[in-house]
Amino acid sequence: MDNYFELFLASTLIAVGSIIFGRFEEGVPRWRRLLKLVLFLSVTALLSQTVSRVAALLWIFGAGVLGLSFHIWWCKRHGIGIISAEPRAKYYQLRGWPWPE
């Protein structure tokens, strides 16, 4: 198994992303966040092992670019701040989460 670099890179990006942006996912169930992690790392390992390192790296960065593009589009469409998720009450409502009182 020679895909340690790709898995290290993917894991590092997920960890940093979770630390910086985790507050925007606080209403997502833990099982769903864990599933997202397992699927992302599994696809990374599978691509690295069966296709190529380049395919795995394209997956890692391509998924990030697609996610960021969707995030910007969704926030602008709903009038939510791209970085701050303000107004928070509206953000919670759009995500279907109860607003903490």
C-alpha atoms as a PDB file:
ATOM      1  CA  MET A   1       0.000   0.000   0.000  1.00  0.00           C
ATOM      2  CA  ASP A   2       1.831   3.043  -1.272  1.00  0.00           C
ATOM      3  CA  ASN A   3      -0.869   5.679  -0.852  1.00  0.00           C
ATOM      4  CA  TYR A   4       0.276   7.074   2.485  1.00  0.00           C
ATOM      5  CA  PHE A   5       1.002  10.534   1.098  1.00  0.00           C
ATOM      6  CA  GLU A   6      -2.473  10.925  -0.396  1.00  0.00           C
ATOM      7  CA  LEU A   7      -4.152   9.690   2.779  1.00  0.00           C
ATOM      8  CA  PHE A   8      -1.956  11.967   4.901  1.00  0.00           C
ATOM      9  CA  LEU A   9      -2.816  14.948   2.713  1.00  0.00           C
ATOM     10  CA  ALA A  10      -6.550  14.161   2.684  1.00  0.00           C
ATOM     11  CA  SER A  11      -6.608  13.578   6.453  1.00  0.00           C
ATOM     12  CA  THR A  12      -4.697  16.781   7.121  1.00  0.00           C
ATOM     13  CA  LEU A  13      -7.048  18.837   4.968  1.00  0.00           C
ATOM     14  CA  ILE A  14     -10.081  17.300   6.687  1.00  0.00           C
ATOM     15  CA  ALA A  15      -8.606  17.951  10.138  1.00  0.00           C
ATOM     16  CA  VAL A  16      -7.730  21.569   9.365  1.00  0.00           C
ATOM     17  CA  GLY A  17     -11.123  22.108   7.733  1.00  0.00           C
ATOM     18  CA  SER A  18     -12.908  20.645  10.742  1.00  0.00           C
ATOM     19  CA  ILE A  19     -10.974  22.842  13.145  1.00  0.00           C
ATOM     20  CA  ILE A  20     -11.563  26.029  11.164  1.00  0.00           C
ATOM     21  CA  PHE A  21     -15.067  25.411   9.811  1.00  0.00           C
ATOM     22  CA  GLY A  22     -16.509  22.860  12.241  1.00  0.00           C
ATOM     23  CA  ARG A  23     -18.710  25.480  13.902  1.00  0.00           C
ATOM     24  CA  PHE A  24     -20.765  25.629  10.710  1.00  0.00           C
ATOM     25  CA  GLU A  25     -21.541  21.902  10.982  1.00  0.00           C
ATOM     26  CA  GLU A  26     -22.567  21.785  14.631  1.00  0.00           C
ATOM     27  CA  GLY A  27     -26.104  20.670  13.788  1.00  0.00           C
ATOM     28  CA  VAL A  28     -25.005  17.747  11.591  1.00  0.00           C
ATOM     29  CA  PRO A  29     -25.258  14.370  13.355  1.00  0.00           C
ATOM     30  CA  ARG A  30     -21.921  12.806  14.310  1.00  0.00           C
ATOM     31  CA  TRP A  31     -22.615   9.645  12.306  1.00  0.00           C
ATOM     32  CA  ARG A  32     -23.028  11.738   9.157  1.00  0.00           C
ATOM     33  CA  ARG A  33     -19.757  13.623   9.736  1.00  0.00           C
ATOM     34  CA  LEU A  34     -17.968  10.333  10.394  1.00  0.00           C
ATOM     35  CA  LEU A  35     -19.479   8.784   7.257  1.00  0.00           C
ATOM     36  CA  LYS A  36     -18.258  11.757   5.208  1.00  0.00           C
ATOM     37  CA  LEU A  37     -14.737  11.237   6.576  1.00  0.00           C
ATOM     38  CA  VAL A  38     -14.732   7.493   5.896  1.00  0.00           C
ATOM     39  CA  LEU A  39     -16.087   7.910   2.353  1.00  0.00           C
ATOM     40  CA  PHE A  40     -13.621  10.671   1.473  1.00  0.00           C
ATOM     41  CA  LEU A  41     -10.630   8.701   2.727  1.00  0.00           C
ATOM     42  CA  SER A  42     -11.903   5.471   1.146  1.00  0.00           C
ATOM     43  CA  VAL A  43     -12.292   7.062  -2.283  1.00  0.00           C
ATOM     44  CA  THR A  44      -8.852   8.657  -1.899  1.00  0.00           C
ATOM     45  CA  ALA A  45      -7.237   5.300  -1.050  1.00  0.00           C
ATOM     46  CA  LEU A  46      -9.139   3.476  -3.796  1.00  0.00           C
ATOM     47  CA  LEU A  47      -8.127   5.986  -6.477  1.00  0.00           C
ATOM     48  CA  SER A  48      -4.545   6.036  -5.311  1.00  0.00           C
ATOM     49  CA  GLN A  49      -4.308   2.239  -5.265  1.00  0.00           C
ATOM     50  CA  THR A  50      -6.223   1.406  -8.464  1.00  0.00           C
ATOM     51  CA  VAL A  51      -5.843   4.414 -10.765  1.00  0.00           C
ATOM     52  CA  SER A  52      -2.917   6.686  -9.897  1.00  0.00           C
ATOM     53  CA  ARG A  53      -1.529   9.190  -7.465  1.00  0.00           C
ATOM     54  CA  VAL A  54      -2.544  11.976  -9.856  1.00  0.00           C
ATOM     55  CA  ALA A  55      -6.162  10.768  -9.853  1.00  0.00           C
ATOM     56  CA  ALA A  56      -6.194  10.711  -6.051  1.00  0.00           C
ATOM     57  CA  LEU A  57      -4.743  14.215  -5.854  1.00  0.00           C
ATOM     58  CA  LEU A  58      -7.262  15.465  -8.416  1.00  0.00           C
ATOM     59  CA  TRP A  59     -10.012  13.918  -6.281  1.00  0.00           C
ATOM     60  CA  ILE A  60      -8.713  15.538  -3.087  1.00  0.00           C
ATOM     61  CA  PHE A  61      -8.392  19.031  -4.522  1.00  0.00           C
ATOM     62  CA  GLY A  62     -11.276  18.715  -7.004  1.00  0.00           C
ATOM     63  CA  ALA A  63     -13.710  17.778  -4.241  1.00  0.00           C
ATOM     64  CA  GLY A  64     -12.528  20.811  -2.284  1.00  0.00           C
ATOM     65  CA  VAL A  65     -12.987  23.157  -5.238  1.00  0.00           C
ATOM     66  CA  LEU A  66     -16.449  21.742  -5.977  1.00  0.00           C
ATOM     67  CA  GLY A  67     -17.427  22.018  -2.325  1.00  0.00           C
ATOM     68  CA  LEU A  68     -16.192  25.595  -2.091  1.00  0.00           C
ATOM     69  CA  SER A  69     -17.982  26.532  -5.324  1.00  0.00           C
ATOM     70  CA  PHE A  70     -21.243  25.049  -4.082  1.00  0.00           C
ATOM     71  CA  HIS A  71     -20.790  26.782  -0.702  1.00  0.00           C
ATOM     72  CA  ILE A  72     -20.318  30.205  -2.294  1.00  0.00           C
ATOM     73  CA  TRP A  73     -23.285  29.696  -4.638  1.00  0.00           C
ATOM     74  CA  TRP A  74     -25.573  28.460  -1.840  1.00  0.00           C
ATOM     75  CA  CYS A  75     -24.646  31.265   0.561  1.00  0.00           C
ATOM     76  CA  LYS A  76     -25.122  33.999  -2.054  1.00  0.00           C
ATOM     77  CA  ARG A  77     -28.423  32.492  -3.180  1.00  0.00           C
ATOM     78  CA  HIS A  78     -29.786  32.516   0.367  1.00  0.00           C
ATOM     79  CA  GLY A  79     -28.258  35.807   1.542  1.00  0.00           C
ATOM     80  CA  ILE A  80     -25.870  34.193   4.026  1.00  0.00           C
ATOM     81  CA  GLY A  81     -22.355  35.511   4.683  1.00  0.00           C
ATOM     82  CA  ILE A  82     -19.818  33.261   2.961  1.00  0.00           C
ATOM     83  CA  ILE A  83     -17.336  33.326   5.842  1.00  0.00           C
ATOM     84  CA  SER A  84     -19.463  34.287   8.849  1.00  0.00           C
ATOM     85  CA  ALA A  85     -22.735  32.434   8.082  1.00  0.00           C
ATOM     86  CA  GLU A  86     -24.570  35.568   9.200  1.00  0.00           C
ATOM     87  CA  PRO A  87     -27.387  36.008   9.945  1.00  0.00           C
ATOM     88  CA  ARG A  88     -27.005  32.879  12.100  1.00  0.00           C
ATOM     89  CA  ALA A  89     -30.739  32.429  12.767  1.00  0.00           C
ATOM     90  CA  LYS A  90     -31.439  32.327   9.030  1.00  0.00           C
ATOM     91  CA  TYR A  91     -28.521  29.934   8.490  1.00  0.00           C
ATOM     92  CA  TYR A  92     -29.880  27.565  11.149  1.00  0.00           C
ATOM     93  CA  GLN A  93     -33.352  27.772   9.629  1.00  0.00           C
ATOM     94  CA  LEU A  94     -32.061  26.965   6.134  1.00  0.00           C
ATOM     95  CA  ARG A  95     -30.095  24.000   7.498  1.00  0.00           C
ATOM     96  CA  GLY A  96     -33.197  22.768   9.361  1.00  0.00           C
ATOM     97  CA  TRP A  97     -31.567  23.068  12.785  1.00  0.00           C
ATOM     98  CA  PRO A  98     -33.316  24.395  15.878  1.00  0.00           C
ATOM     99  CA  TRP A  99     -32.144  27.849  16.890  1.00  0.00           C
ATOM    100  CA  PRO A 100     -30.544  27.724  20.373  1.00  0.00           C
ATOM    101  CA  GLU A 101     -32.425  29.903  22.813  1.00  0.00           C
END
